Amino acid sequence: MLVYEVNLDVDAGIAGEYRAWLDDHVRAMLALPGFVSARVFEVVATPPDATRAEWCVHYALRDDAALEAYLREHAPRMRRDGLARFGDRFRATRRVLRPAGD
């Protein structure tokens, strides 16, 4: 099992629209082969920044092969959708987490 983590930093002016889109995006990701579950977290900034909204999404994937297939076959299309809708009003960073000892 792997966790594919996506951290999102969004302009507060589009936060509501972006969050609604994110729900649909997560459902689309879960329909892809190898994706097992997803959880969206609100990032609590200290101190809060009223100009930004932040979320962190953890996608659980079956294995390394599922992640590799996603990155090769689906990631460019899935990423383009967000960029087409929201342009430079958000930033996304990604990392892969593996349970320690696996």
N, C-alpha and C. Protein backbone atom coordinates (compact mmCIF):
# COMPACT_ATOMS: atom_id res chain seq x y z
N MET A 1 0.85 -1.18 0.00
CA MET A 1 0.00 0.00 0.00
C MET A 1 0.89 1.24 0.00
N LEU A 2 0.53 2.20 -0.83
CA LEU A 2 1.21 3.49 -0.90
C LEU A 2 0.20 4.60 -0.66
N VAL A 3 0.68 5.74 -0.20
CA VAL A 3 -0.14 6.94 -0.14
C VAL A 3 0.44 7.95 -1.12
N TYR A 4 -0.40 8.41 -2.02
CA TYR A 4 -0.05 9.47 -2.95
C TYR A 4 -0.68 10.73 -2.37
N GLU A 5 0.17 11.62 -1.89
CA GLU A 5 -0.29 12.82 -1.20
C GLU A 5 -0.23 14.02 -2.14
N VAL A 6 -1.32 14.78 -2.19
CA VAL A 6 -1.37 15.99 -2.99
C VAL A 6 -1.72 17.14 -2.05
N ASN A 7 -0.84 18.13 -1.98
CA ASN A 7 -1.05 19.31 -1.14
C ASN A 7 -1.47 20.46 -2.04
N LEU A 8 -2.57 21.11 -1.67
CA LEU A 8 -3.17 22.15 -2.50
C LEU A 8 -3.20 23.46 -1.75
N ASP A 9 -2.73 24.51 -2.39
CA ASP A 9 -2.72 25.87 -1.85
C ASP A 9 -3.52 26.70 -2.84
N VAL A 10 -4.69 27.18 -2.41
CA VAL A 10 -5.67 27.77 -3.32
C VAL A 10 -5.98 29.21 -2.91
N ASP A 11 -6.12 30.07 -3.90
CA ASP A 11 -6.55 31.45 -3.69
C ASP A 11 -7.94 31.41 -3.03
N ALA A 12 -8.12 32.13 -1.92
CA ALA A 12 -9.38 32.12 -1.19
C ALA A 12 -10.57 32.54 -2.07
N GLY A 13 -10.32 33.36 -3.08
CA GLY A 13 -11.39 33.82 -3.96
C GLY A 13 -12.05 32.72 -4.77
N ILE A 14 -11.37 31.60 -4.94
CA ILE A 14 -11.94 30.48 -5.69
C ILE A 14 -12.13 29.24 -4.81
N ALA A 15 -11.94 29.39 -3.51
CA ALA A 15 -11.93 28.22 -2.61
C ALA A 15 -13.21 27.39 -2.70
N GLY A 16 -14.37 28.02 -2.71
CA GLY A 16 -15.62 27.26 -2.77
C GLY A 16 -15.76 26.49 -4.06
N GLU A 17 -15.48 27.15 -5.17
CA GLU A 17 -15.55 26.50 -6.48
C GLU A 17 -14.50 25.40 -6.59
N TYR A 18 -13.32 25.67 -6.09
CA TYR A 18 -12.25 24.67 -6.16
C TYR A 18 -12.61 23.45 -5.32
N ARG A 19 -13.15 23.67 -4.13
CA ARG A 19 -13.49 22.55 -3.24
C ARG A 19 -14.58 21.67 -3.88
N ALA A 20 -15.55 22.29 -4.53
CA ALA A 20 -16.59 21.51 -5.23
C ALA A 20 -15.97 20.70 -6.36
N TRP A 21 -15.07 21.31 -7.12
CA TRP A 21 -14.38 20.59 -8.18
C TRP A 21 -13.54 19.45 -7.60
N LEU A 22 -12.89 19.71 -6.47
CA LEU A 22 -12.03 18.71 -5.86
C LEU A 22 -12.82 17.45 -5.50
N ASP A 23 -14.03 17.60 -5.00
CA ASP A 23 -14.86 16.43 -4.69
C ASP A 23 -15.06 15.56 -5.93
N ASP A 24 -15.38 16.19 -7.06
CA ASP A 24 -15.55 15.45 -8.32
C ASP A 24 -14.25 14.82 -8.76
N HIS A 25 -13.16 15.56 -8.61
CA HIS A 25 -11.84 15.08 -9.01
C HIS A 25 -11.45 13.84 -8.21
N VAL A 26 -11.69 13.88 -6.91
CA VAL A 26 -11.36 12.73 -6.06
C VAL A 26 -12.18 11.51 -6.50
N ARG A 27 -13.46 11.71 -6.79
CA ARG A 27 -14.28 10.58 -7.26
C ARG A 27 -13.72 10.01 -8.56
N ALA A 28 -13.28 10.88 -9.46
CA ALA A 28 -12.70 10.41 -10.73
C ALA A 28 -11.40 9.64 -10.48
N MET A 29 -10.59 10.11 -9.55
CA MET A 29 -9.35 9.41 -9.22
C MET A 29 -9.66 8.02 -8.67
N LEU A 30 -10.67 7.92 -7.82
CA LEU A 30 -11.01 6.63 -7.22
C LEU A 30 -11.56 5.64 -8.23
N ALA A 31 -11.99 6.12 -9.37
CA ALA A 31 -12.47 5.23 -10.43
C ALA A 31 -11.32 4.63 -11.23
N LEU A 32 -10.10 5.15 -11.04
CA LEU A 32 -8.94 4.65 -11.77
C LEU A 32 -8.43 3.35 -11.16
N PRO A 33 -7.84 2.49 -11.99
CA PRO A 33 -7.32 1.21 -11.47
C PRO A 33 -6.24 1.43 -10.40
N GLY A 34 -6.33 0.65 -9.33
CA GLY A 34 -5.31 0.68 -8.30
C GLY A 34 -5.56 1.64 -7.17
N PHE A 35 -6.50 2.58 -7.33
CA PHE A 35 -6.83 3.51 -6.25
C PHE A 35 -7.82 2.83 -5.32
N VAL A 36 -7.49 2.80 -4.03
CA VAL A 36 -8.29 2.07 -3.05
C VAL A 36 -9.21 2.99 -2.26
N SER A 37 -8.70 4.15 -1.84
CA SER A 37 -9.49 5.09 -1.06
C SER A 37 -8.83 6.47 -1.14
N ALA A 38 -9.56 7.47 -0.62
CA ALA A 38 -9.02 8.83 -0.56
C ALA A 38 -9.60 9.53 0.64
N ARG A 39 -8.83 10.45 1.16
CA ARG A 39 -9.28 11.26 2.29
C ARG A 39 -8.77 12.68 2.08
N VAL A 40 -9.68 13.65 2.21
CA VAL A 40 -9.33 15.06 2.04
C VAL A 40 -9.25 15.70 3.42
N PHE A 41 -8.14 16.37 3.67
CA PHE A 41 -7.92 17.07 4.94
C PHE A 41 -7.86 18.57 4.68
N GLU A 42 -8.44 19.34 5.57
CA GLU A 42 -8.24 20.78 5.55
C GLU A 42 -6.96 21.06 6.33
N VAL A 43 -6.07 21.83 5.75
CA VAL A 43 -4.84 22.19 6.43
C VAL A 43 -5.13 23.39 7.33
N VAL A 44 -4.79 23.24 8.59
CA VAL A 44 -5.04 24.31 9.56
C VAL A 44 -3.74 25.09 9.71
N ALA A 45 -3.74 26.29 9.17
CA ALA A 45 -2.55 27.14 9.22
C ALA A 45 -2.51 27.90 10.55
N THR A 46 -1.32 28.05 11.07
CA THR A 46 -1.12 28.80 12.31
C THR A 46 -0.07 29.86 12.07
N PRO A 47 -0.38 31.11 12.03
CA PRO A 47 -1.72 31.68 12.09
C PRO A 47 -2.44 31.52 10.74
N PRO A 48 -3.77 31.62 10.75
CA PRO A 48 -4.51 31.45 9.50
C PRO A 48 -4.21 32.57 8.50
N ASP A 49 -4.28 32.24 7.23
CA ASP A 49 -4.07 33.20 6.15
C ASP A 49 -5.39 33.32 5.40
N ALA A 50 -6.07 34.46 5.58
CA ALA A 50 -7.40 34.65 4.98
C ALA A 50 -7.37 34.70 3.47
N THR A 51 -6.19 34.83 2.87
CA THR A 51 -6.10 34.92 1.41
C THR A 51 -5.94 33.55 0.75
N ARG A 52 -5.76 32.50 1.55
CA ARG A 52 -5.48 31.17 1.03
C ARG A 52 -6.40 30.13 1.67
N ALA A 53 -6.64 29.05 0.94
CA ALA A 53 -7.28 27.85 1.48
C ALA A 53 -6.34 26.70 1.15
N GLU A 54 -6.20 25.76 2.07
CA GLU A 54 -5.27 24.66 1.84
C GLU A 54 -5.94 23.34 2.18
N TRP A 55 -5.70 22.35 1.31
CA TRP A 55 -6.16 20.99 1.54
C TRP A 55 -5.03 20.03 1.25
N CYS A 56 -5.10 18.88 1.87
CA CYS A 56 -4.16 17.79 1.63
C CYS A 56 -5.00 16.55 1.35
N VAL A 57 -4.74 15.91 0.22
CA VAL A 57 -5.49 14.72 -0.16
C VAL A 57 -4.55 13.52 -0.09
N HIS A 58 -4.99 12.49 0.61
CA HIS A 58 -4.26 11.22 0.66
C HIS A 58 -5.03 10.19 -0.14
N TYR A 59 -4.41 9.74 -1.23
CA TYR A 59 -4.96 8.65 -2.02
C TYR A 59 -4.21 7.39 -1.67
N ALA A 60 -4.92 6.34 -1.28
CA ALA A 60 -4.29 5.05 -1.02
C ALA A 60 -4.30 4.27 -2.33
N LEU A 61 -3.12 3.77 -2.69
CA LEU A 61 -2.98 2.95 -3.90
C LEU A 61 -2.56 1.54 -3.53
N ARG A 62 -2.97 0.62 -4.33
CA ARG A 62 -2.70 -0.80 -4.09
C ARG A 62 -1.22 -1.09 -3.99
N ASP A 63 -0.41 -0.55 -4.93
CA ASP A 63 1.01 -0.89 -4.96
C ASP A 63 1.77 0.07 -5.88
N ASP A 64 3.07 -0.13 -5.99
CA ASP A 64 3.92 0.71 -6.84
C ASP A 64 3.48 0.68 -8.29
N ALA A 65 3.07 -0.49 -8.78
CA ALA A 65 2.65 -0.62 -10.18
C ALA A 65 1.43 0.25 -10.46
N ALA A 66 0.50 0.34 -9.51
CA ALA A 66 -0.68 1.19 -9.70
C ALA A 66 -0.28 2.66 -9.79
N LEU A 67 0.65 3.08 -8.95
CA LEU A 67 1.12 4.46 -9.00
C LEU A 67 1.82 4.74 -10.32
N GLU A 68 2.69 3.85 -10.73
CA GLU A 68 3.41 4.03 -11.99
C GLU A 68 2.44 4.12 -13.16
N ALA A 69 1.41 3.27 -13.18
CA ALA A 69 0.41 3.30 -14.25
C ALA A 69 -0.35 4.62 -14.23
N TYR A 70 -0.73 5.09 -13.05
CA TYR A 70 -1.42 6.37 -12.94
C TYR A 70 -0.54 7.50 -13.49
N LEU A 71 0.69 7.58 -13.05
CA LEU A 71 1.59 8.66 -13.48
C LEU A 71 1.81 8.63 -14.99
N ARG A 72 1.90 7.46 -15.55
CA ARG A 72 2.15 7.30 -16.98
C ARG A 72 0.89 7.55 -17.83
N GLU A 73 -0.24 7.00 -17.39
CA GLU A 73 -1.42 6.96 -18.25
C GLU A 73 -2.49 8.00 -17.94
N HIS A 74 -2.56 8.50 -16.72
CA HIS A 74 -3.68 9.35 -16.32
C HIS A 74 -3.29 10.70 -15.76
N ALA A 75 -2.15 10.81 -15.11
CA ALA A 75 -1.79 12.05 -14.42
C ALA A 75 -1.80 13.29 -15.31
N PRO A 76 -1.23 13.23 -16.52
CA PRO A 76 -1.24 14.46 -17.33
C PRO A 76 -2.66 14.98 -17.59
N ARG A 77 -3.59 14.10 -17.90
CA ARG A 77 -4.97 14.51 -18.17
C ARG A 77 -5.64 15.04 -16.90
N MET A 78 -5.45 14.35 -15.78
CA MET A 78 -6.09 14.77 -14.54
C MET A 78 -5.54 16.13 -14.08
N ARG A 79 -4.27 16.35 -14.26
CA ARG A 79 -3.67 17.62 -13.86
C ARG A 79 -4.10 18.76 -14.78
N ARG A 80 -4.21 18.47 -16.07
CA ARG A 80 -4.63 19.50 -17.04
C ARG A 80 -6.01 20.06 -16.71
N ASP A 81 -6.89 19.21 -16.22
CA ASP A 81 -8.25 19.66 -15.92
C ASP A 81 -8.24 20.78 -14.88
N GLY A 82 -7.50 20.60 -13.80
CA GLY A 82 -7.43 21.64 -12.78
C GLY A 82 -6.80 22.92 -13.31
N LEU A 83 -5.74 22.77 -14.09
CA LEU A 83 -5.07 23.95 -14.66
C LEU A 83 -5.99 24.68 -15.63
N ALA A 84 -6.76 23.95 -16.42
CA ALA A 84 -7.67 24.58 -17.37
C ALA A 84 -8.76 25.37 -16.65
N ARG A 85 -9.21 24.86 -15.53
CA ARG A 85 -10.29 25.52 -14.78
C ARG A 85 -9.81 26.68 -13.92
N PHE A 86 -8.65 26.53 -13.29
CA PHE A 86 -8.24 27.48 -12.25
C PHE A 86 -6.92 28.18 -12.53
N GLY A 87 -6.24 27.83 -13.61
CA GLY A 87 -5.01 28.51 -14.00
C GLY A 87 -3.99 28.58 -12.89
N ASP A 88 -3.48 29.78 -12.66
CA ASP A 88 -2.42 29.95 -11.66
C ASP A 88 -2.95 30.36 -10.29
N ARG A 89 -4.25 30.14 -10.05
CA ARG A 89 -4.84 30.53 -8.76
C ARG A 89 -4.73 29.44 -7.71
N PHE A 90 -3.98 28.39 -8.04
CA PHE A 90 -3.70 27.34 -7.07
C PHE A 90 -2.33 26.74 -7.36
N ARG A 91 -1.80 26.07 -6.35
CA ARG A 91 -0.54 25.32 -6.52
C ARG A 91 -0.76 23.93 -5.94
N ALA A 92 -0.14 22.96 -6.57
CA ALA A 92 -0.22 21.58 -6.07
C ALA A 92 1.20 21.03 -5.97
N THR A 93 1.47 20.39 -4.86
CA THR A 93 2.72 19.65 -4.70
C THR A 93 2.34 18.22 -4.33
N ARG A 94 3.21 17.31 -4.69
CA ARG A 94 2.89 15.90 -4.50
C ARG A 94 4.07 15.16 -3.90
N ARG A 95 3.75 14.09 -3.16
CA ARG A 95 4.78 13.19 -2.69
C ARG A 95 4.15 11.82 -2.47
N VAL A 96 5.01 10.82 -2.38
CA VAL A 96 4.57 9.44 -2.19
C VAL A 96 5.06 8.99 -0.83
N LEU A 97 4.17 8.38 -0.07
CA LEU A 97 4.49 7.88 1.27
C LEU A 97 4.32 6.37 1.30
N ARG A 98 5.24 5.71 1.96
CA ARG A 98 5.17 4.26 2.12
C ARG A 98 5.23 3.98 3.62
N PRO A 99 4.38 3.09 4.13
CA PRO A 99 4.46 2.76 5.56
C PRO A 99 5.87 2.30 5.93
N ALA A 100 6.37 2.76 7.02
CA ALA A 100 7.71 2.38 7.47
C ALA A 100 7.75 0.87 7.72
N GLY A 101 8.83 0.26 7.28
CA GLY A 101 9.00 -1.17 7.48
C GLY A 101 8.49 -2.02 6.35
N ASP A 102 7.82 -1.42 5.36
CA ASP A 102 7.34 -2.20 4.21
C ASP A 102 8.40 -2.33 3.14
